[in-house]
């Protein structure tokens, strides 16, 4: 059996209102810690979404940046994009291929 985690950076309004200046950064760093813990626990993969302009559901607008960061901090966990807009007007296929190849190389073959 394989286990993985799905990163969308959910940020409840309550947390944002409590600390509007730092809530997003704190949630982002918490998410990084979860990935590191999953790697230590032997989870197989972590996937990150890409969403824009949402108030609570997802604050992860640059999944490839997030994945490159966690790949550098982990040793075994595979990385991948869970939700990613691949339509050419938004993300040209050649650019997607370049980013995926770079992530796969930097993570030493761990991109899925």
PDB file of N, CA and C in Angstrom:
ATOM      1  N   UNK A   1       0.837  -1.162   0.000  1.00  0.00           N
ATOM      2  CA  UNK A   1       0.000   0.000   0.000  1.00  0.00           C
ATOM      3  C   UNK A   1       0.894   1.242   0.000  1.00  0.00           C
ATOM      4  N   UNK A   2       0.505   2.242  -0.766  1.00  0.00           N
ATOM      5  CA  UNK A   2       1.258   3.496  -0.838  1.00  0.00           C
ATOM      6  C   UNK A   2       0.444   4.617  -0.204  1.00  0.00           C
ATOM      7  N   UNK A   3       1.127   5.527   0.446  1.00  0.00           N
ATOM      8  CA  UNK A   3       0.478   6.691   1.038  1.00  0.00           C
ATOM      9  C   UNK A   3       1.107   7.956   0.476  1.00  0.00           C
ATOM     10  N   UNK A   4       0.304   8.988   0.393  1.00  0.00           N
ATOM     11  CA  UNK A   4       0.787  10.269  -0.081  1.00  0.00           C
ATOM     12  C   UNK A   4      -0.015  11.393   0.544  1.00  0.00           C
ATOM     13  N   UNK A   5       0.421  12.598   0.318  1.00  0.00           N
ATOM     14  CA  UNK A   5      -0.322  13.763   0.802  1.00  0.00           C
ATOM     15  C   UNK A   5      -0.588  14.711  -0.364  1.00  0.00           C
ATOM     16  N   UNK A   6      -1.637  15.478  -0.210  1.00  0.00           N
ATOM     17  CA  UNK A   6      -2.107  16.401  -1.232  1.00  0.00           C
ATOM     18  C   UNK A   6      -2.035  17.805  -0.649  1.00  0.00           C
ATOM     19  N   UNK A   7      -1.203  18.651  -1.211  1.00  0.00           N
ATOM     20  CA  UNK A   7      -0.998  20.001  -0.696  1.00  0.00           C
ATOM     21  C   UNK A   7      -1.810  21.007  -1.490  1.00  0.00           C
ATOM     22  N   UNK A   8      -2.720  21.698  -0.805  1.00  0.00           N
ATOM     23  CA  UNK A   8      -3.470  22.759  -1.477  1.00  0.00           C
ATOM     24  C   UNK A   8      -3.361  24.079  -0.722  1.00  0.00           C
ATOM     25  N   UNK A   9      -2.737  24.052   0.437  1.00  0.00           N
ATOM     26  CA  UNK A   9      -2.538  25.239   1.272  1.00  0.00           C
ATOM     27  C   UNK A   9      -3.861  25.909   1.632  1.00  0.00           C
ATOM     28  N   UNK A  10      -4.755  25.139   2.185  1.00  0.00           N
ATOM     29  CA  UNK A  10      -6.022  25.674   2.683  1.00  0.00           C
ATOM     30  C   UNK A  10      -5.729  26.663   3.804  1.00  0.00           C
ATOM     31  N   UNK A  11      -6.313  27.836   3.729  1.00  0.00           N
ATOM     32  CA  UNK A  11      -6.107  28.865   4.747  1.00  0.00           C
ATOM     33  C   UNK A  11      -7.459  29.352   5.245  1.00  0.00           C
ATOM     34  N   UNK A  12      -7.930  28.816   6.367  1.00  0.00           N
ATOM     35  CA  UNK A  12      -9.230  29.238   6.898  1.00  0.00           C
ATOM     36  C   UNK A  12      -9.254  30.737   7.198  1.00  0.00           C
ATOM     37  N   UNK A  13     -10.377  31.337   6.947  1.00  0.00           N
ATOM     38  CA  UNK A  13     -10.550  32.771   7.184  1.00  0.00           C
ATOM     39  C   UNK A  13     -10.175  33.147   8.616  1.00  0.00           C
ATOM     40  N   UNK A  14     -10.536  32.292   9.566  1.00  0.00           N
ATOM     41  CA  UNK A  14     -10.258  32.555  10.972  1.00  0.00           C
ATOM     42  C   UNK A  14      -8.757  32.770  11.205  1.00  0.00           C
ATOM     43  N   UNK A  15      -7.919  31.946  10.598  1.00  0.00           N
ATOM     44  CA  UNK A  15      -6.472  32.105  10.763  1.00  0.00           C
ATOM     45  C   UNK A  15      -5.968  33.369  10.088  1.00  0.00           C
ATOM     46  N   UNK A  16      -6.498  33.662   8.918  1.00  0.00           N
ATOM     47  CA  UNK A  16      -6.083  34.867   8.190  1.00  0.00           C
ATOM     48  C   UNK A  16      -6.469  36.124   8.963  1.00  0.00           C
ATOM     49  N   UNK A  17      -7.660  36.125   9.563  1.00  0.00           N
ATOM     50  CA  UNK A  17      -8.106  37.294  10.322  1.00  0.00           C
ATOM     51  C   UNK A  17      -7.319  37.456  11.617  1.00  0.00           C
ATOM     52  N   UNK A  18      -6.910  36.357  12.203  1.00  0.00           N
ATOM     53  CA  UNK A  18      -6.170  36.402  13.461  1.00  0.00           C
ATOM     54  C   UNK A  18      -4.780  37.013  13.273  1.00  0.00           C
ATOM     55  N   UNK A  19      -4.136  36.727  12.148  1.00  0.00           N
ATOM     56  CA  UNK A  19      -2.790  37.227  11.882  1.00  0.00           C
ATOM     57  C   UNK A  19      -2.639  37.514  10.388  1.00  0.00           C
ATOM     58  N   UNK A  20      -3.276  38.594   9.905  1.00  0.00           N
ATOM     59  CA  UNK A  20      -3.301  38.847   8.462  1.00  0.00           C
ATOM     60  C   UNK A  20      -1.922  39.039   7.836  1.00  0.00           C
ATOM     61  N   UNK A  21      -0.973  39.488   8.613  1.00  0.00           N
ATOM     62  CA  UNK A  21       0.348  39.764   8.059  1.00  0.00           C
ATOM     63  C   UNK A  21       1.195  38.501   7.861  1.00  0.00           C
ATOM     64  N   UNK A  22       0.984  37.481   8.712  1.00  0.00           N
ATOM     65  CA  UNK A  22       1.856  36.307   8.669  1.00  0.00           C
ATOM     66  C   UNK A  22       1.141  34.980   8.439  1.00  0.00           C
ATOM     67  N   UNK A  23      -0.175  34.985   8.386  1.00  0.00           N
ATOM     68  CA  UNK A  23      -0.932  33.724   8.315  1.00  0.00           C
ATOM     69  C   UNK A  23      -0.568  32.891   7.093  1.00  0.00           C
ATOM     70  N   UNK A  24      -0.453  33.522   5.959  1.00  0.00           N
ATOM     71  CA  UNK A  24      -0.168  32.766   4.738  1.00  0.00           C
ATOM     72  C   UNK A  24       1.225  32.141   4.786  1.00  0.00           C
ATOM     73  N   UNK A  25       2.204  32.896   5.227  1.00  0.00           N
ATOM     74  CA  UNK A  25       3.558  32.355   5.321  1.00  0.00           C
ATOM     75  C   UNK A  25       3.620  31.220   6.340  1.00  0.00           C
ATOM     76  N   UNK A  26       2.942  31.382   7.467  1.00  0.00           N
ATOM     77  CA  UNK A  26       2.930  30.331   8.481  1.00  0.00           C
ATOM     78  C   UNK A  26       2.308  29.056   7.931  1.00  0.00           C
ATOM     79  N   UNK A  27       1.187  29.177   7.220  1.00  0.00           N
ATOM     80  CA  UNK A  27       0.547  27.990   6.639  1.00  0.00           C
ATOM     81  C   UNK A  27       1.453  27.330   5.608  1.00  0.00           C
ATOM     82  N   UNK A  28       2.130  28.131   4.819  1.00  0.00           N
ATOM     83  CA  UNK A  28       3.040  27.591   3.813  1.00  0.00           C
ATOM     84  C   UNK A  28       4.167  26.800   4.476  1.00  0.00           C
ATOM     85  N   UNK A  29       4.757  27.365   5.513  1.00  0.00           N
ATOM     86  CA  UNK A  29       5.839  26.672   6.210  1.00  0.00           C
ATOM     87  C   UNK A  29       5.330  25.441   6.953  1.00  0.00           C
ATOM     88  N   UNK A  30       4.095  25.493   7.470  1.00  0.00           N
ATOM     89  CA  UNK A  30       3.486  24.298   8.078  1.00  0.00           C
ATOM     90  C   UNK A  30       3.342  23.190   7.044  1.00  0.00           C
ATOM     91  N   UNK A  31       2.921  23.550   5.850  1.00  0.00           N
ATOM     92  CA  UNK A  31       2.749  22.569   4.777  1.00  0.00           C
ATOM     93  C   UNK A  31       4.096  21.930   4.420  1.00  0.00           C
ATOM     94  N   UNK A  32       5.144  22.724   4.404  1.00  0.00           N
ATOM     95  CA  UNK A  32       6.489  22.202   4.146  1.00  0.00           C
ATOM     96  C   UNK A  32       6.874  21.193   5.229  1.00  0.00           C
ATOM     97  N   UNK A  33       6.569  21.514   6.482  1.00  0.00           N
ATOM     98  CA  UNK A  33       6.887  20.597   7.581  1.00  0.00           C
ATOM     99  C   UNK A  33       6.122  19.286   7.450  1.00  0.00           C
ATOM    100  N   UNK A  34       4.874  19.348   6.974  1.00  0.00           N
ATOM    101  CA  UNK A  34       4.091  18.119   6.766  1.00  0.00           C
ATOM    102  C   UNK A  34       4.755  17.241   5.713  1.00  0.00           C
ATOM    103  N   UNK A  35       5.251  17.859   4.651  1.00  0.00           N
ATOM    104  CA  UNK A  35       5.920  17.084   3.598  1.00  0.00           C
ATOM    105  C   UNK A  35       7.195  16.448   4.152  1.00  0.00           C
ATOM    106  N   UNK A  36       7.952  17.191   4.937  1.00  0.00           N
ATOM    107  CA  UNK A  36       9.167  16.634   5.530  1.00  0.00           C
ATOM    108  C   UNK A  36       8.838  15.463   6.455  1.00  0.00           C
ATOM    109  N   UNK A  37       7.772  15.600   7.235  1.00  0.00           N
ATOM    110  CA  UNK A  37       7.349  14.512   8.126  1.00  0.00           C
ATOM    111  C   UNK A  37       6.888  13.304   7.317  1.00  0.00           C
ATOM    112  N   UNK A  38       6.169  13.546   6.224  1.00  0.00           N
ATOM    113  CA  UNK A  38       5.713  12.448   5.367  1.00  0.00           C
ATOM    114  C   UNK A  38       6.906  11.720   4.756  1.00  0.00           C
ATOM    115  N   UNK A  39       7.926  12.450   4.369  1.00  0.00           N
ATOM    116  CA  UNK A  39       9.135  11.839   3.823  1.00  0.00           C
ATOM    117  C   UNK A  39       9.793  10.942   4.872  1.00  0.00           C
ATOM    118  N   UNK A  40       9.922  11.446   6.093  1.00  0.00           N
ATOM    119  CA  UNK A  40      10.529  10.652   7.169  1.00  0.00           C
ATOM    120  C   UNK A  40       9.699   9.414   7.489  1.00  0.00           C
ATOM    121  N   UNK A  41       8.373   9.524   7.342  1.00  0.00           N
ATOM    122  CA  UNK A  41       7.474   8.411   7.665  1.00  0.00           C
ATOM    123  C   UNK A  41       7.368   7.393   6.528  1.00  0.00           C
ATOM    124  N   UNK A  42       7.999   7.659   5.399  1.00  0.00           N
ATOM    125  CA  UNK A  42       7.987   6.711   4.296  1.00  0.00           C
ATOM    126  C   UNK A  42       6.835   6.865   3.320  1.00  0.00           C
ATOM    127  N   UNK A  43       6.136   8.011   3.355  1.00  0.00           N
ATOM    128  CA  UNK A  43       5.079   8.249   2.369  1.00  0.00           C
ATOM    129  C   UNK A  43       5.698   8.256   0.979  1.00  0.00           C
ATOM    130  N   UNK A  44       4.947   7.800  -0.009  1.00  0.00           N
ATOM    131  CA  UNK A  44       5.488   7.668  -1.371  1.00  0.00           C
ATOM    132  C   UNK A  44       5.517   8.995  -2.125  1.00  0.00           C
ATOM    133  N   UNK A  45       4.485   9.843  -1.970  1.00  0.00           N
ATOM    134  CA  UNK A  45       4.415  11.046  -2.802  1.00  0.00           C
ATOM    135  C   UNK A  45       3.745  12.206  -2.081  1.00  0.00           C
ATOM    136  N   UNK A  46       4.007  13.379  -2.613  1.00  0.00           N
ATOM    137  CA  UNK A  46       3.272  14.587  -2.247  1.00  0.00           C
ATOM    138  C   UNK A  46       2.919  15.297  -3.549  1.00  0.00           C
ATOM    139  N   UNK A  47       1.693  15.683  -3.657  1.00  0.00           N
ATOM    140  CA  UNK A  47       1.221  16.412  -4.834  1.00  0.00           C
ATOM    141  C   UNK A  47       0.808  17.806  -4.406  1.00  0.00           C
ATOM    142  N   UNK A  48       1.055  18.775  -5.253  1.00  0.00           N
ATOM    143  CA  UNK A  48       0.700  20.161  -4.962  1.00  0.00           C
ATOM    144  C   UNK A  48      -0.223  20.687  -6.057  1.00  0.00           C
ATOM    145  N   UNK A  49      -1.231  21.427  -5.645  1.00  0.00           N
ATOM    146  CA  UNK A  49      -2.195  21.990  -6.584  1.00  0.00           C
ATOM    147  C   UNK A  49      -1.716  23.344  -7.091  1.00  0.00           C
ATOM    148  N   UNK A  50      -2.411  23.849  -8.086  1.00  0.00           N
ATOM    149  CA  UNK A  50      -2.205  25.223  -8.553  1.00  0.00           C
ATOM    150  C   UNK A  50      -3.570  25.885  -8.619  1.00  0.00           C
ATOM    151  N   UNK A  51      -3.765  26.884  -7.790  1.00  0.00           N
ATOM    152  CA  UNK A  51      -5.001  27.666  -7.807  1.00  0.00           C
ATOM    153  C   UNK A  51      -4.638  29.137  -7.662  1.00  0.00           C
ATOM    154  N   UNK A  52      -5.513  29.990  -8.164  1.00  0.00           N
ATOM    155  CA  UNK A  52      -5.254  31.428  -8.108  1.00  0.00           C
ATOM    156  C   UNK A  52      -6.484  32.172  -7.604  1.00  0.00           C
ATOM    157  N   UNK A  53      -6.247  33.191  -6.801  1.00  0.00           N
ATOM    158  CA  UNK A  53      -7.263  34.160  -6.389  1.00  0.00           C
ATOM    159  C   UNK A  53      -8.386  33.554  -5.547  1.00  0.00           C
ATOM    160  N   UNK A  54      -8.126  32.494  -4.817  1.00  0.00           N
ATOM    161  CA  UNK A  54      -9.141  31.924  -3.935  1.00  0.00           C
ATOM    162  C   UNK A  54      -8.928  32.470  -2.526  1.00  0.00           C
ATOM    163  N   UNK A  55     -10.011  32.680  -1.805  1.00  0.00           N
ATOM    164  CA  UNK A  55      -9.881  33.293  -0.485  1.00  0.00           C
ATOM    165  C   UNK A  55      -9.532  32.295   0.610  1.00  0.00           C
ATOM    166  N   UNK A  56     -10.038  31.080   0.548  1.00  0.00           N
ATOM    167  CA  UNK A  56      -9.739  30.106   1.586  1.00  0.00           C
ATOM    168  C   UNK A  56      -9.189  28.798   1.034  1.00  0.00           C
ATOM    169  N   UNK A  57      -9.841  28.237   0.036  1.00  0.00           N
ATOM    170  CA  UNK A  57      -9.591  26.856  -0.378  1.00  0.00           C
ATOM    171  C   UNK A  57      -8.124  26.558  -0.664  1.00  0.00           C
ATOM    172  N   UNK A  58      -7.488  27.351  -1.478  1.00  0.00           N
ATOM    173  CA  UNK A  58      -6.105  27.045  -1.847  1.00  0.00           C
ATOM    174  C   UNK A  58      -5.321  28.333  -2.061  1.00  0.00           C
ATOM    175  N   UNK A  59      -4.190  28.407  -1.415  1.00  0.00           N
ATOM    176  CA  UNK A  59      -3.305  29.559  -1.571  1.00  0.00           C
ATOM    177  C   UNK A  59      -1.985  29.147  -2.209  1.00  0.00           C
ATOM    178  N   UNK A  60      -1.986  28.047  -2.940  1.00  0.00           N
ATOM    179  CA  UNK A  60      -0.770  27.552  -3.568  1.00  0.00           C
ATOM    180  C   UNK A  60      -0.818  27.888  -5.057  1.00  0.00           C
ATOM    181  N   UNK A  61      -0.300  29.048  -5.400  1.00  0.00           N
ATOM    182  CA  UNK A  61      -0.403  29.530  -6.780  1.00  0.00           C
ATOM    183  C   UNK A  61       0.792  29.137  -7.645  1.00  0.00           C
ATOM    184  N   UNK A  62       1.853  28.660  -7.044  1.00  0.00           N
ATOM    185  CA  UNK A  62       3.046  28.274  -7.806  1.00  0.00           C
ATOM    186  C   UNK A  62       3.524  26.909  -7.319  1.00  0.00           C
ATOM    187  N   UNK A  63       2.849  25.878  -7.803  1.00  0.00           N
ATOM    188  CA  UNK A  63       3.167  24.548  -7.288  1.00  0.00           C
ATOM    189  C   UNK A  63       4.583  24.088  -7.634  1.00  0.00           C
ATOM    190  N   UNK A  64       5.107  24.500  -8.780  1.00  0.00           N
ATOM    191  CA  UNK A  64       6.452  24.044  -9.117  1.00  0.00           C
ATOM    192  C   UNK A  64       7.506  24.664  -8.200  1.00  0.00           C
ATOM    193  N   UNK A  65       7.286  25.874  -7.734  1.00  0.00           N
ATOM    194  CA  UNK A  65       8.215  26.482  -6.782  1.00  0.00           C
ATOM    195  C   UNK A  65       8.154  25.753  -5.451  1.00  0.00           C
ATOM    196  N   UNK A  66       6.935  25.483  -4.992  1.00  0.00           N
ATOM    197  CA  UNK A  66       6.745  24.732  -3.752  1.00  0.00           C
ATOM    198  C   UNK A  66       7.404  23.354  -3.854  1.00  0.00           C
ATOM    199  N   UNK A  67       7.177  22.659  -4.966  1.00  0.00           N
ATOM    200  CA  UNK A  67       7.724  21.310  -5.125  1.00  0.00           C
ATOM    201  C   UNK A  67       9.251  21.314  -5.191  1.00  0.00           C
ATOM    202  N   UNK A  68       9.838  22.303  -5.839  1.00  0.00           N
ATOM    203  CA  UNK A  68      11.300  22.397  -5.880  1.00  0.00           C
ATOM    204  C   UNK A  68      11.855  22.610  -4.476  1.00  0.00           C
ATOM    205  N   UNK A  69      11.170  23.435  -3.698  1.00  0.00           N
ATOM    206  CA  UNK A  69      11.616  23.710  -2.327  1.00  0.00           C
ATOM    207  C   UNK A  69      11.555  22.448  -1.477  1.00  0.00           C
ATOM    208  N   UNK A  70      10.423  21.739  -1.510  1.00  0.00           N
ATOM    209  CA  UNK A  70      10.315  20.544  -0.665  1.00  0.00           C
ATOM    210  C   UNK A  70      11.214  19.418  -1.182  1.00  0.00           C
ATOM    211  N   UNK A  71      11.465  19.367  -2.481  1.00  0.00           N
ATOM    212  CA  UNK A  71      12.382  18.349  -3.006  1.00  0.00           C
ATOM    213  C   UNK A  71      13.783  18.545  -2.430  1.00  0.00           C
ATOM    214  N   UNK A  72      14.177  19.803  -2.256  1.00  0.00           N
ATOM    215  CA  UNK A  72      15.498  20.091  -1.703  1.00  0.00           C
ATOM    216  C   UNK A  72      15.596  19.732  -0.222  1.00  0.00           C
ATOM    217  N   UNK A  73      14.458  19.670   0.456  1.00  0.00           N
ATOM    218  CA  UNK A  73      14.448  19.397   1.898  1.00  0.00           C
ATOM    219  C   UNK A  73      14.135  17.948   2.241  1.00  0.00           C
ATOM    220  N   UNK A  74      13.877  17.120   1.235  1.00  0.00           N
ATOM    221  CA  UNK A  74      13.498  15.728   1.473  1.00  0.00           C
ATOM    222  C   UNK A  74      14.445  14.798   0.723  1.00  0.00           C
ATOM    223  N   UNK A  75      14.323  13.488   1.011  1.00  0.00           N
ATOM    224  CA  UNK A  75      15.243  12.540   0.384  1.00  0.00           C
ATOM    225  C   UNK A  75      14.567  11.507  -0.502  1.00  0.00           C
ATOM    226  N   UNK A  76      13.359  11.067  -0.126  1.00  0.00           N
ATOM    227  CA  UNK A  76      12.754   9.944  -0.841  1.00  0.00           C
ATOM    228  C   UNK A  76      11.402  10.242  -1.463  1.00  0.00           C
ATOM    229  N   UNK A  77      10.641  11.117  -0.872  1.00  0.00           N
ATOM    230  CA  UNK A  77       9.257  11.324  -1.298  1.00  0.00           C
ATOM    231  C   UNK A  77       9.210  11.825  -2.742  1.00  0.00           C
ATOM    232  N   UNK A  78       8.314  11.265  -3.522  1.00  0.00           N
ATOM    233  CA  UNK A  78       8.125  11.705  -4.906  1.00  0.00           C
ATOM    234  C   UNK A  78       7.250  12.950  -4.910  1.00  0.00           C
ATOM    235  N   UNK A  79       7.412  13.788  -5.914  1.00  0.00           N
ATOM    236  CA  UNK A  79       6.656  15.036  -6.007  1.00  0.00           C
ATOM    237  C   UNK A  79       5.846  15.041  -7.295  1.00  0.00           C
ATOM    238  N   UNK A  80       4.734  15.751  -7.278  1.00  0.00           N
ATOM    239  CA  UNK A  80       3.912  15.837  -8.479  1.00  0.00           C
ATOM    240  C   UNK A  80       2.891  16.947  -8.368  1.00  0.00           C
ATOM    241  N   UNK A  81       2.302  17.285  -9.500  1.00  0.00           N
ATOM    242  CA  UNK A  81       1.272  18.315  -9.527  1.00  0.00           C
ATOM    243  C   UNK A  81      -0.089  17.647  -9.525  1.00  0.00           C
ATOM    244  N   UNK A  82      -0.913  18.022  -8.565  1.00  0.00           N
ATOM    245  CA  UNK A  82      -2.245  17.437  -8.462  1.00  0.00           C
ATOM    246  C   UNK A  82      -3.240  18.104  -9.383  1.00  0.00           C
ATOM    247  N   UNK A  83      -3.260  19.410  -9.395  1.00  0.00           N
ATOM    248  CA  UNK A  83      -4.135  20.187 -10.272  1.00  0.00           C
ATOM    249  C   UNK A  83      -3.249  21.238 -10.921  1.00  0.00           C
ATOM    250  N   UNK A  84      -3.238  21.232 -12.250  1.00  0.00           N
ATOM    251  CA  UNK A  84      -2.334  22.111 -12.983  1.00  0.00           C
ATOM    252  C   UNK A  84      -2.987  22.440 -14.315  1.00  0.00           C
ATOM    253  N   UNK A  85      -3.108  23.702 -14.622  1.00  0.00           N
ATOM    254  CA  UNK A  85      -3.758  24.136 -15.855  1.00  0.00           C
ATOM    255  C   UNK A  85      -2.793  23.982 -17.028  1.00  0.00           C
ATOM    256  N   UNK A  86      -3.071  23.008 -17.892  1.00  0.00           N
ATOM    257  CA  UNK A  86      -2.168  22.738 -19.019  1.00  0.00           C
ATOM    258  C   UNK A  86      -2.674  23.294 -20.343  1.00  0.00           C
ATOM    259  N   UNK A  87      -3.676  24.178 -20.313  1.00  0.00           N
ATOM    260  CA  UNK A  87      -4.156  24.765 -21.564  1.00  0.00           C
ATOM    261  C   UNK A  87      -3.093  25.718 -22.113  1.00  0.00           C
ATOM    262  N   UNK A  88      -2.806  25.654 -23.409  1.00  0.00           N
ATOM    263  CA  UNK A  88      -1.728  26.446 -23.998  1.00  0.00           C
ATOM    264  C   UNK A  88      -1.782  27.952 -23.717  1.00  0.00           C
ATOM    265  N   UNK A  89      -2.955  28.604 -23.695  1.00  0.00           N
ATOM    266  CA  UNK A  89      -2.920  30.038 -23.401  1.00  0.00           C
ATOM    267  C   UNK A  89      -2.423  30.360 -21.981  1.00  0.00           C
ATOM    268  N   UNK A  90      -2.586  29.425 -21.070  1.00  0.00           N
ATOM    269  CA  UNK A  90      -2.166  29.657 -19.681  1.00  0.00           C
ATOM    270  C   UNK A  90      -0.752  29.135 -19.446  1.00  0.00           C
ATOM    271  N   UNK A  91      -0.505  27.914 -19.810  1.00  0.00           N
ATOM    272  CA  UNK A  91       0.805  27.277 -19.642  1.00  0.00           C
ATOM    273  C   UNK A  91       1.167  26.570 -20.944  1.00  0.00           C
ATOM    274  N   UNK A  92       2.025  27.170 -21.721  1.00  0.00           N
ATOM    275  CA  UNK A  92       2.406  26.586 -23.008  1.00  0.00           C
ATOM    276  C   UNK A  92       3.044  25.209 -22.775  1.00  0.00           C
ATOM    277  N   UNK A  93       2.692  24.212 -23.592  1.00  0.00           N
ATOM    278  CA  UNK A  93       3.210  22.854 -23.401  1.00  0.00           C
ATOM    279  C   UNK A  93       4.741  22.770 -23.339  1.00  0.00           C
ATOM    280  N   UNK A  94       5.426  23.577 -24.122  1.00  0.00           N
ATOM    281  CA  UNK A  94       6.892  23.550 -24.084  1.00  0.00           C
ATOM    282  C   UNK A  94       7.408  24.036 -22.732  1.00  0.00           C
ATOM    283  N   UNK A  95       6.765  25.064 -22.178  1.00  0.00           N
ATOM    284  CA  UNK A  95       7.172  25.577 -20.863  1.00  0.00           C
ATOM    285  C   UNK A  95       6.854  24.568 -19.764  1.00  0.00           C
ATOM    286  N   UNK A  96       5.705  23.898 -19.879  1.00  0.00           N
ATOM    287  CA  UNK A  96       5.360  22.857 -18.904  1.00  0.00           C
ATOM    288  C   UNK A  96       6.424  21.761 -18.943  1.00  0.00           C
ATOM    289  N   UNK A  97       6.792  21.326 -20.140  1.00  0.00           N
ATOM    290  CA  UNK A  97       7.808  20.278 -20.286  1.00  0.00           C
ATOM    291  C   UNK A  97       9.143  20.716 -19.689  1.00  0.00           C
ATOM    292  N   UNK A  98       9.516  21.972 -19.898  1.00  0.00           N
ATOM    293  CA  UNK A  98      10.765  22.485 -19.325  1.00  0.00           C
ATOM    294  C   UNK A  98      10.725  22.454 -17.801  1.00  0.00           C
ATOM    295  N   UNK A  99       9.622  22.917 -17.222  1.00  0.00           N
ATOM    296  CA  UNK A  99       9.510  22.962 -15.759  1.00  0.00           C
ATOM    297  C   UNK A  99       9.499  21.558 -15.162  1.00  0.00           C
ATOM    298  N   UNK A 100       8.782  20.650 -15.805  1.00  0.00           N
ATOM    299  CA  UNK A 100       8.735  19.266 -15.319  1.00  0.00           C
ATOM    300  C   UNK A 100      10.123  18.629 -15.405  1.00  0.00           C
ATOM    301  N   UNK A 101      10.816  18.832 -16.513  1.00  0.00           N
ATOM    302  CA  UNK A 101      12.163  18.270 -16.665  1.00  0.00           C
ATOM    303  C   UNK A 101      13.110  18.833 -15.611  1.00  0.00           C
ATOM    304  N   UNK A 102      13.009  20.128 -15.344  1.00  0.00           N
ATOM    305  CA  UNK A 102      13.863  20.743 -14.328  1.00  0.00           C
ATOM    306  C   UNK A 102      13.556  20.172 -12.948  1.00  0.00           C
ATOM    307  N   UNK A 103      12.262  20.059 -12.608  1.00  0.00           N
ATOM    308  CA  UNK A 103      11.882  19.482 -11.315  1.00  0.00           C
ATOM    309  C   UNK A 103      12.370  18.042 -11.187  1.00  0.00           C
ATOM    310  N   UNK A 104      12.238  17.280 -12.254  1.00  0.00           N
ATOM    311  CA  UNK A 104      12.668  15.884 -12.208  1.00  0.00           C
ATOM    312  C   UNK A 104      14.180  15.786 -12.019  1.00  0.00           C
ATOM    313  N   UNK A 105      14.922  16.645 -12.699  1.00  0.00           N
ATOM    314  CA  UNK A 105      16.379  16.639 -12.532  1.00  0.00           C
ATOM    315  C   UNK A 105      16.792  17.087 -11.139  1.00  0.00           C
ATOM    316  N   UNK A 106      16.213  18.185 -10.657  1.00  0.00           N
ATOM    317  CA  UNK A 106      16.578  18.690  -9.332  1.00  0.00           C
ATOM    318  C   UNK A 106      16.195  17.729  -8.215  1.00  0.00           C
ATOM    319  N   UNK A 107      15.115  16.985  -8.420  1.00  0.00           N
ATOM    320  CA  UNK A 107      14.666  16.041  -7.383  1.00  0.00           C
ATOM    321  C   UNK A 107      15.283  14.655  -7.576  1.00  0.00           C
ATOM    322  N   UNK A 108      16.193  14.526  -8.516  1.00  0.00           N
ATOM    323  CA  UNK A 108      16.877  13.262  -8.811  1.00  0.00           C
ATOM    324  C   UNK A 108      15.890  12.158  -9.191  1.00  0.00           C
ATOM    325  N   UNK A 109      14.982  12.510 -10.114  1.00  0.00           N
ATOM    326  CA  UNK A 109      14.056  11.528 -10.662  1.00  0.00           C
ATOM    327  C   UNK A 109      12.815  11.268  -9.831  1.00  0.00           C
ATOM    328  N   UNK A 110      12.482  12.175  -8.924  1.00  0.00           N
ATOM    329  CA  UNK A 110      11.326  11.938  -8.055  1.00  0.00           C
ATOM    330  C   UNK A 110      10.044  12.598  -8.542  1.00  0.00           C
ATOM    331  N   UNK A 111      10.060  13.280  -9.677  1.00  0.00           N
ATOM    332  CA  UNK A 111       8.828  13.909 -10.170  1.00  0.00           C
ATOM    333  C   UNK A 111       7.928  12.859 -10.806  1.00  0.00           C
ATOM    334  N   UNK A 112       6.645  12.911 -10.477  1.00  0.00           N
ATOM    335  CA  UNK A 112       5.669  11.980 -11.067  1.00  0.00           C
ATOM    336  C   UNK A 112       4.723  12.745 -11.953  1.00  0.00           C
TER     337      UNK A 112
END
